[in-house]
Every structure is written in structure tokens, then in C-alpha cells.
Amino acid sequence: AQLRASLEEVQTAIRRLHRKQQELERRLGLIVYPVLTLPTEIVSRIFIDCLPDHGRVCPSQRTPLLLAQICRCWRDIALETCELW
């Protein structure tokens, strides 16, 4: 009987945590990150300005790749910005 009671407590806690997770995921989905509301041209310009100085002999190719890995929106913008490549 005590094991059943303990099991029920754990199952209740799991259900409560699952509801909390769903609520947090819902709230996260409502957040609009400010950078995602900027026009594509401005984000593209910011990306270009993030490039290392061109004075280096071998400029790093990591910057465009890193930008493209942030999210789908940034990947699309980075891939469409020829100056990054």
C-alpha cells in the first residue's frame, strides 16, 4: 500500500511537471526576439559588420558559419548575403 501511494505521488508530480513544461513552452513560443523583427537588410548589414578585419591574410570563415547556425532565420539571411562568403 505504501509503494502504491509513493507511486501515485510520483505520477502526480510527473503530470504536474508535464503541465508546467507545456506552459513554459507555450510562453516561450510567444516571445519574439527583437533581432527577428528587424528588416533582412539590416540584419545582413550587421552580419557583414561582424566579419573579421579584411587586413588579415586568411580571414576566418567561421563567422558566417557561426551566424548561420543560430536559427533558421539567421541561416537564410547569412546564406543570402554574398558578402559573407
PDB file of N, CA and C in Angstrom:
ATOM      1  N   ALA A   1       0.826  -1.193   0.000  1.00  0.00           N
ATOM      2  CA  ALA A   1       0.000   0.000   0.000  1.00  0.00           C
ATOM      3  C   ALA A   1       0.872   1.259   0.000  1.00  0.00           C
ATOM      4  N   GLN A   2       1.954   1.208   0.767  1.00  0.00           N
ATOM      5  CA  GLN A   2       2.829   2.374   0.829  1.00  0.00           C
ATOM      6  C   GLN A   2       3.522   2.597  -0.519  1.00  0.00           C
ATOM      7  N   LEU A   3       3.899   1.492  -1.193  1.00  0.00           N
ATOM      8  CA  LEU A   3       4.518   1.621  -2.510  1.00  0.00           C
ATOM      9  C   LEU A   3       3.538   2.220  -3.516  1.00  0.00           C
ATOM     10  N   ARG A   4       2.282   1.797  -3.461  1.00  0.00           N
ATOM     11  CA  ARG A   4       1.262   2.357  -4.364  1.00  0.00           C
ATOM     12  C   ARG A   4       1.078   3.851  -4.111  1.00  0.00           C
ATOM     13  N   ALA A   5       1.076   4.227  -2.855  1.00  0.00           N
ATOM     14  CA  ALA A   5       0.927   5.644  -2.509  1.00  0.00           C
ATOM     15  C   ALA A   5       2.125   6.440  -3.023  1.00  0.00           C
ATOM     16  N   SER A   6       3.314   5.889  -2.867  1.00  0.00           N
ATOM     17  CA  SER A   6       4.517   6.564  -3.365  1.00  0.00           C
ATOM     18  C   SER A   6       4.485   6.677  -4.884  1.00  0.00           C
ATOM     19  N   LEU A   7       4.054   5.606  -5.536  1.00  0.00           N
ATOM     20  CA  LEU A   7       3.947   5.614  -6.995  1.00  0.00           C
ATOM     21  C   LEU A   7       2.949   6.671  -7.456  1.00  0.00           C
ATOM     22  N   GLU A   8       1.832   6.765  -6.792  1.00  0.00           N
ATOM     23  CA  GLU A   8       0.818   7.765  -7.136  1.00  0.00           C
ATOM     24  C   GLU A   8       1.365   9.176  -6.946  1.00  0.00           C
ATOM     25  N   GLU A   9       2.128   9.402  -5.887  1.00  0.00           N
ATOM     26  CA  GLU A   9       2.740  10.716  -5.658  1.00  0.00           C
ATOM     27  C   GLU A   9       3.695  11.073  -6.796  1.00  0.00           C
ATOM     28  N   VAL A  10       4.500  10.104  -7.194  1.00  0.00           N
ATOM     29  CA  VAL A  10       5.458  10.338  -8.280  1.00  0.00           C
ATOM     30  C   VAL A  10       4.714  10.623  -9.581  1.00  0.00           C
ATOM     31  N   GLN A  11       3.675   9.851  -9.868  1.00  0.00           N
ATOM     32  CA  GLN A  11       2.903  10.071 -11.091  1.00  0.00           C
ATOM     33  C   GLN A  11       2.222  11.438 -11.078  1.00  0.00           C
ATOM     34  N   THR A  12       1.732  11.843  -9.937  1.00  0.00           N
ATOM     35  CA  THR A  12       1.120  13.170  -9.807  1.00  0.00           C
ATOM     36  C   THR A  12       2.162  14.258 -10.058  1.00  0.00           C
ATOM     37  N   ALA A  13       3.343  14.079  -9.491  1.00  0.00           N
ATOM     38  CA  ALA A  13       4.422  15.054  -9.698  1.00  0.00           C
ATOM     39  C   ALA A  13       4.822  15.119 -11.166  1.00  0.00           C
ATOM     40  N   ILE A  14       4.880  13.971 -11.827  1.00  0.00           N
ATOM     41  CA  ILE A  14       5.222  13.931 -13.254  1.00  0.00           C
ATOM     42  C   ILE A  14       4.175  14.676 -14.070  1.00  0.00           C
ATOM     43  N   ARG A  15       2.901  14.448 -13.782  1.00  0.00           N
ATOM     44  CA  ARG A  15       1.828  15.152 -14.507  1.00  0.00           C
ATOM     45  C   ARG A  15       1.926  16.660 -14.291  1.00  0.00           C
ATOM     46  N   ARG A  16       2.197  17.062 -13.053  1.00  0.00           N
ATOM     47  CA  ARG A  16       2.323  18.483 -12.736  1.00  0.00           C
ATOM     48  C   ARG A  16       3.503  19.097 -13.498  1.00  0.00           C
ATOM     49  N   LEU A  17       4.626  18.401 -13.520  1.00  0.00           N
ATOM     50  CA  LEU A  17       5.796  18.894 -14.245  1.00  0.00           C
ATOM     51  C   LEU A  17       5.542  18.950 -15.748  1.00  0.00           C
ATOM     52  N   HIS A  18       4.814  17.979 -16.263  1.00  0.00           N
ATOM     53  CA  HIS A  18       4.480  17.973 -17.690  1.00  0.00           C
ATOM     54  C   HIS A  18       3.618  19.187 -18.037  1.00  0.00           C
ATOM     55  N   ARG A  19       2.634  19.496 -17.191  1.00  0.00           N
ATOM     56  CA  ARG A  19       1.795  20.686 -17.422  1.00  0.00           C
ATOM     57  C   ARG A  19       2.632  21.957 -17.359  1.00  0.00           C
ATOM     58  N   LYS A  20       3.555  22.009 -16.410  1.00  0.00           N
ATOM     59  CA  LYS A  20       4.440  23.172 -16.274  1.00  0.00           C
ATOM     60  C   LYS A  20       5.312  23.315 -17.523  1.00  0.00           C
ATOM     61  N   GLN A  21       5.832  22.199 -18.015  1.00  0.00           N
ATOM     62  CA  GLN A  21       6.650  22.216 -19.226  1.00  0.00           C
ATOM     63  C   GLN A  21       5.848  22.744 -20.412  1.00  0.00           C
ATOM     64  N   GLN A  22       4.622  22.268 -20.565  1.00  0.00           N
ATOM     65  CA  GLN A  22       3.774  22.730 -21.662  1.00  0.00           C
ATOM     66  C   GLN A  22       3.517  24.231 -21.566  1.00  0.00           C
ATOM     67  N   GLU A  23       3.271  24.715 -20.361  1.00  0.00           N
ATOM     68  CA  GLU A  23       3.030  26.145 -20.173  1.00  0.00           C
ATOM     69  C   GLU A  23       4.276  26.958 -20.512  1.00  0.00           C
ATOM     70  N   LEU A  24       5.433  26.496 -20.078  1.00  0.00           N
ATOM     71  CA  LEU A  24       6.676  27.206 -20.378  1.00  0.00           C
ATOM     72  C   LEU A  24       6.972  27.197 -21.876  1.00  0.00           C
ATOM     73  N   GLU A  25       6.725  26.079 -22.535  1.00  0.00           N
ATOM     74  CA  GLU A  25       6.928  26.013 -23.983  1.00  0.00           C
ATOM     75  C   GLU A  25       5.970  26.949 -24.706  1.00  0.00           C
ATOM     76  N   ARG A  26       4.736  27.046 -24.218  1.00  0.00           N
ATOM     77  CA  ARG A  26       3.765  27.959 -24.816  1.00  0.00           C
ATOM     78  C   ARG A  26       4.235  29.402 -24.662  1.00  0.00           C
ATOM     79  N   ARG A  27       4.691  29.747 -23.464  1.00  0.00           N
ATOM     80  CA  ARG A  27       5.166  31.115 -23.210  1.00  0.00           C
ATOM     81  C   ARG A  27       6.408  31.431 -24.033  1.00  0.00           C
ATOM     82  N   LEU A  28       7.301  30.468 -24.182  1.00  0.00           N
ATOM     83  CA  LEU A  28       8.493  30.664 -24.989  1.00  0.00           C
ATOM     84  C   LEU A  28       8.122  30.918 -26.446  1.00  0.00           C
ATOM     85  N   GLY A  29       7.101  30.222 -26.912  1.00  0.00           N
ATOM     86  CA  GLY A  29       6.638  30.416 -28.285  1.00  0.00           C
ATOM     87  C   GLY A  29       6.066  31.798 -28.533  1.00  0.00           C
ATOM     88  N   LEU A  30       5.646  32.483 -27.490  1.00  0.00           N
ATOM     89  CA  LEU A  30       5.079  33.822 -27.632  1.00  0.00           C
ATOM     90  C   LEU A  30       6.145  34.915 -27.681  1.00  0.00           C
ATOM     91  N   ILE A  31       7.355  34.560 -27.286  1.00  0.00           N
ATOM     92  CA  ILE A  31       8.428  35.550 -27.254  1.00  0.00           C
ATOM     93  C   ILE A  31       8.896  35.825 -28.677  1.00  0.00           C
ATOM     94  N   VAL A  32       8.971  37.089 -29.019  1.00  0.00           N
ATOM     95  CA  VAL A  32       9.519  37.494 -30.305  1.00  0.00           C
ATOM     96  C   VAL A  32      10.852  38.172 -30.016  1.00  0.00           C
ATOM     97  N   TYR A  33      11.917  37.546 -30.456  1.00  0.00           N
ATOM     98  CA  TYR A  33      13.230  38.122 -30.226  1.00  0.00           C
ATOM     99  C   TYR A  33      13.376  39.376 -31.079  1.00  0.00           C
ATOM    100  N   PRO A  34      13.822  40.473 -30.481  1.00  0.00           N
ATOM    101  CA  PRO A  34      13.897  41.746 -31.213  1.00  0.00           C
ATOM    102  C   PRO A  34      14.657  41.665 -32.530  1.00  0.00           C
ATOM    103  N   VAL A  35      15.750  40.906 -32.566  1.00  0.00           N
ATOM    104  CA  VAL A  35      16.528  40.852 -33.799  1.00  0.00           C
ATOM    105  C   VAL A  35      15.729  40.208 -34.931  1.00  0.00           C
ATOM    106  N   LEU A  36      14.788  39.347 -34.602  1.00  0.00           N
ATOM    107  CA  LEU A  36      13.990  38.704 -35.644  1.00  0.00           C
ATOM    108  C   LEU A  36      12.960  39.643 -36.241  1.00  0.00           C
ATOM    109  N   THR A  37      12.736  40.783 -35.610  1.00  0.00           N
ATOM    110  CA  THR A  37      11.773  41.742 -36.139  1.00  0.00           C
ATOM    111  C   THR A  37      12.446  42.803 -37.005  1.00  0.00           C
ATOM    112  N   LEU A  38      13.779  42.787 -37.070  1.00  0.00           N
ATOM    113  CA  LEU A  38      14.495  43.743 -37.908  1.00  0.00           C
ATOM    114  C   LEU A  38      14.358  43.366 -39.379  1.00  0.00           C
ATOM    115  N   PRO A  39      14.376  44.353 -40.267  1.00  0.00           N
ATOM    116  CA  PRO A  39      14.362  44.042 -41.701  1.00  0.00           C
ATOM    117  C   PRO A  39      15.601  43.226 -42.087  1.00  0.00           C
ATOM    118  N   THR A  40      15.440  42.357 -43.058  1.00  0.00           N
ATOM    119  CA  THR A  40      16.520  41.482 -43.511  1.00  0.00           C
ATOM    120  C   THR A  40      17.766  42.274 -43.886  1.00  0.00           C
ATOM    121  N   GLU A  41      17.584  43.418 -44.530  1.00  0.00           N
ATOM    122  CA  GLU A  41      18.729  44.219 -44.974  1.00  0.00           C
ATOM    123  C   GLU A  41      19.572  44.691 -43.788  1.00  0.00           C
ATOM    124  N   ILE A  42      18.925  45.033 -42.698  1.00  0.00           N
ATOM    125  CA  ILE A  42      19.657  45.498 -41.515  1.00  0.00           C
ATOM    126  C   ILE A  42      20.406  44.339 -40.866  1.00  0.00           C
ATOM    127  N   VAL A  43      19.747  43.196 -40.741  1.00  0.00           N
ATOM    128  CA  VAL A  43      20.416  42.024 -40.161  1.00  0.00           C
ATOM    129  C   VAL A  43      21.606  41.635 -41.032  1.00  0.00           C
ATOM    130  N   SER A  44      21.427  41.668 -42.341  1.00  0.00           N
ATOM    131  CA  SER A  44      22.513  41.357 -43.265  1.00  0.00           C
ATOM    132  C   SER A  44      23.690  42.309 -43.067  1.00  0.00           C
ATOM    133  N   ARG A  45      23.402  43.592 -42.916  1.00  0.00           N
ATOM    134  CA  ARG A  45      24.455  44.595 -42.693  1.00  0.00           C
ATOM    135  C   ARG A  45      25.177  44.326 -41.373  1.00  0.00           C
ATOM    136  N   ILE A  46      24.441  43.964 -40.350  1.00  0.00           N
ATOM    137  CA  ILE A  46      25.054  43.621 -39.054  1.00  0.00           C
ATOM    138  C   ILE A  46      25.984  42.424 -39.226  1.00  0.00           C
ATOM    139  N   PHE A  47      25.534  41.419 -39.968  1.00  0.00           N
ATOM    140  CA  PHE A  47      26.365  40.241 -40.210  1.00  0.00           C
ATOM    141  C   PHE A  47      27.666  40.635 -40.903  1.00  0.00           C
ATOM    142  N   ILE A  48      27.570  41.469 -41.919  1.00  0.00           N
ATOM    143  CA  ILE A  48      28.760  41.907 -42.653  1.00  0.00           C
ATOM    144  C   ILE A  48      29.707  42.645 -41.717  1.00  0.00           C
ATOM    145  N   ASP A  49      29.158  43.489 -40.867  1.00  0.00           N
ATOM    146  CA  ASP A  49      29.991  44.238 -39.924  1.00  0.00           C
ATOM    147  C   ASP A  49      30.633  43.340 -38.869  1.00  0.00           C
ATOM    148  N   CYS A  50      30.117  42.146 -38.687  1.00  0.00           N
ATOM    149  CA  CYS A  50      30.694  41.194 -37.726  1.00  0.00           C
ATOM    150  C   CYS A  50      31.901  40.451 -38.288  1.00  0.00           C
ATOM    151  N   LEU A  51      32.117  40.556 -39.583  1.00  0.00           N
ATOM    152  CA  LEU A  51      33.251  39.858 -40.185  1.00  0.00           C
ATOM    153  C   LEU A  51      34.559  40.387 -39.616  1.00  0.00           C
ATOM    154  N   PRO A  52      35.570  39.517 -39.519  1.00  0.00           N
ATOM    155  CA  PRO A  52      36.883  39.979 -39.069  1.00  0.00           C
ATOM    156  C   PRO A  52      37.438  41.006 -40.061  1.00  0.00           C
ATOM    157  N   ASP A  53      38.389  41.802 -39.597  1.00  0.00           N
ATOM    158  CA  ASP A  53      39.027  42.785 -40.478  1.00  0.00           C
ATOM    159  C   ASP A  53      39.599  42.095 -41.707  1.00  0.00           C
ATOM    160  N   HIS A  54      39.486  42.780 -42.837  1.00  0.00           N
ATOM    161  CA  HIS A  54      39.983  42.194 -44.084  1.00  0.00           C
ATOM    162  C   HIS A  54      41.496  42.299 -44.216  1.00  0.00           C
ATOM    163  N   GLY A  55      42.151  42.938 -43.245  1.00  0.00           N
ATOM    164  CA  GLY A  55      43.595  43.069 -43.284  1.00  0.00           C
ATOM    165  C   GLY A  55      44.331  41.765 -43.023  1.00  0.00           C
ATOM    166  N   ARG A  56      43.647  40.796 -42.503  1.00  0.00           N
ATOM    167  CA  ARG A  56      44.277  39.510 -42.219  1.00  0.00           C
ATOM    168  C   ARG A  56      44.583  38.784 -43.524  1.00  0.00           C
ATOM    169  N   VAL A  57      45.622  37.980 -43.485  1.00  0.00           N
ATOM    170  CA  VAL A  57      45.984  37.208 -44.673  1.00  0.00           C
ATOM    171  C   VAL A  57      44.930  36.156 -44.961  1.00  0.00           C
ATOM    172  N   CYS A  58      44.486  35.463 -43.933  1.00  0.00           N
ATOM    173  CA  CYS A  58      43.474  34.413 -44.092  1.00  0.00           C
ATOM    174  C   CYS A  58      42.276  34.748 -43.215  1.00  0.00           C
ATOM    175  N   PRO A  59      41.323  35.513 -43.734  1.00  0.00           N
ATOM    176  CA  PRO A  59      40.166  35.832 -42.898  1.00  0.00           C
ATOM    177  C   PRO A  59      39.427  34.563 -42.489  1.00  0.00           C
ATOM    178  N   SER A  60      38.944  34.573 -41.301  1.00  0.00           N
ATOM    179  CA  SER A  60      38.245  33.404 -40.761  1.00  0.00           C
ATOM    180  C   SER A  60      36.926  33.177 -41.478  1.00  0.00           C
ATOM    181  N   GLN A  61      36.682  31.949 -41.855  1.00  0.00           N
ATOM    182  CA  GLN A  61      35.399  31.579 -42.452  1.00  0.00           C
ATOM    183  C   GLN A  61      34.413  31.135 -41.380  1.00  0.00           C
ATOM    184  N   ARG A  62      34.857  31.144 -40.130  1.00  0.00           N
ATOM    185  CA  ARG A  62      33.986  30.679 -39.050  1.00  0.00           C
ATOM    186  C   ARG A  62      32.826  31.618 -38.801  1.00  0.00           C
ATOM    187  N   THR A  63      33.041  32.922 -38.961  1.00  0.00           N
ATOM    188  CA  THR A  63      31.994  33.884 -38.634  1.00  0.00           C
ATOM    189  C   THR A  63      30.706  33.618 -39.402  1.00  0.00           C
ATOM    190  N   PRO A  64      30.749  33.502 -40.743  1.00  0.00           N
ATOM    191  CA  PRO A  64      29.494  33.229 -41.454  1.00  0.00           C
ATOM    192  C   PRO A  64      28.864  31.900 -41.039  1.00  0.00           C
ATOM    193  N   LEU A  65      29.689  30.909 -40.803  1.00  0.00           N
ATOM    194  CA  LEU A  65      29.158  29.604 -40.402  1.00  0.00           C
ATOM    195  C   LEU A  65      28.498  29.677 -39.031  1.00  0.00           C
ATOM    196  N   LEU A  66      29.121  30.406 -38.118  1.00  0.00           N
ATOM    197  CA  LEU A  66      28.531  30.558 -36.786  1.00  0.00           C
ATOM    198  C   LEU A  66      27.199  31.296 -36.860  1.00  0.00           C
ATOM    199  N   LEU A  67      27.151  32.361 -37.644  1.00  0.00           N
ATOM    200  CA  LEU A  67      25.904  33.109 -37.786  1.00  0.00           C
ATOM    201  C   LEU A  67      24.806  32.230 -38.372  1.00  0.00           C
ATOM    202  N   ALA A  68      25.180  31.377 -39.318  1.00  0.00           N
ATOM    203  CA  ALA A  68      24.202  30.522 -39.985  1.00  0.00           C
ATOM    204  C   ALA A  68      23.679  29.410 -39.082  1.00  0.00           C
ATOM    205  N   GLN A  69      24.320  29.188 -37.949  1.00  0.00           N
ATOM    206  CA  GLN A  69      23.899  28.112 -37.051  1.00  0.00           C
ATOM    207  C   GLN A  69      22.992  28.585 -35.923  1.00  0.00           C
ATOM    208  N   ILE A  70      22.730  29.883 -35.827  1.00  0.00           N
ATOM    209  CA  ILE A  70      21.935  30.409 -34.716  1.00  0.00           C
ATOM    210  C   ILE A  70      20.483  29.958 -34.802  1.00  0.00           C
ATOM    211  N   CYS A  71      19.858  30.205 -35.924  1.00  0.00           N
ATOM    212  CA  CYS A  71      18.464  29.801 -36.112  1.00  0.00           C
ATOM    213  C   CYS A  71      18.171  29.790 -37.610  1.00  0.00           C
ATOM    214  N   ARG A  72      17.014  29.297 -37.979  1.00  0.00           N
ATOM    215  CA  ARG A  72      16.645  29.190 -39.389  1.00  0.00           C
ATOM    216  C   ARG A  72      16.633  30.559 -40.067  1.00  0.00           C
ATOM    217  N   CYS A  73      16.104  31.558 -39.384  1.00  0.00           N
ATOM    218  CA  CYS A  73      16.040  32.909 -39.940  1.00  0.00           C
ATOM    219  C   CYS A  73      17.444  33.437 -40.233  1.00  0.00           C
ATOM    220  N   TRP A  74      18.342  33.313 -39.271  1.00  0.00           N
ATOM    221  CA  TRP A  74      19.713  33.796 -39.460  1.00  0.00           C
ATOM    222  C   TRP A  74      20.424  32.998 -40.541  1.00  0.00           C
ATOM    223  N   ARG A  75      20.170  31.692 -40.610  1.00  0.00           N
ATOM    224  CA  ARG A  75      20.799  30.871 -41.647  1.00  0.00           C
ATOM    225  C   ARG A  75      20.394  31.366 -43.026  1.00  0.00           C
ATOM    226  N   ASP A  76      19.097  31.605 -43.208  1.00  0.00           N
ATOM    227  CA  ASP A  76      18.614  32.079 -44.504  1.00  0.00           C
ATOM    228  C   ASP A  76      19.258  33.404 -44.881  1.00  0.00           C
ATOM    229  N   ILE A  77      19.320  34.318 -43.922  1.00  0.00           N
ATOM    230  CA  ILE A  77      19.915  35.634 -44.197  1.00  0.00           C
ATOM    231  C   ILE A  77      21.405  35.490 -44.497  1.00  0.00           C
ATOM    232  N   ALA A  78      22.108  34.704 -43.700  1.00  0.00           N
ATOM    233  CA  ALA A  78      23.550  34.527 -43.908  1.00  0.00           C
ATOM    234  C   ALA A  78      23.833  33.912 -45.273  1.00  0.00           C
ATOM    235  N   LEU A  79      23.067  32.912 -45.651  1.00  0.00           N
ATOM    236  CA  LEU A  79      23.296  32.257 -46.939  1.00  0.00           C
ATOM    237  C   LEU A  79      22.970  33.169 -48.112  1.00  0.00           C
ATOM    238  N   GLU A  80      22.051  34.099 -47.920  1.00  0.00           N
ATOM    239  CA  GLU A  80      21.676  35.027 -48.985  1.00  0.00           C
ATOM    240  C   GLU A  80      22.574  36.264 -49.035  1.00  0.00           C
ATOM    241  N   THR A  81      23.459  36.422 -48.064  1.00  0.00           N
ATOM    242  CA  THR A  81      24.340  37.593 -48.013  1.00  0.00           C
ATOM    243  C   THR A  81      25.681  37.222 -48.638  1.00  0.00           C
ATOM    244  N   CYS A  82      25.828  37.526 -49.917  1.00  0.00           N
ATOM    245  CA  CYS A  82      27.026  37.138 -50.675  1.00  0.00           C
ATOM    246  C   CYS A  82      28.313  37.678 -50.062  1.00  0.00           C
ATOM    247  N   GLU A  83      28.254  38.870 -49.469  1.00  0.00           N
ATOM    248  CA  GLU A  83      29.460  39.482 -48.909  1.00  0.00           C
ATOM    249  C   GLU A  83      30.064  38.665 -47.764  1.00  0.00           C
ATOM    250  N   LEU A  84      29.307  37.793 -47.180  1.00  0.00           N
ATOM    251  CA  LEU A  84      29.831  36.958 -46.094  1.00  0.00           C
ATOM    252  C   LEU A  84      30.734  35.847 -46.617  1.00  0.00           C
ATOM    253  N   TRP A  85      30.536  35.489 -47.857  1.00  0.00           N
ATOM    254  CA  TRP A  85      31.242  34.336 -48.404  1.00  0.00           C
ATOM    255  C   TRP A  85      32.277  34.803 -49.404  1.00  0.00           C
TER     256      TRP A  85
END
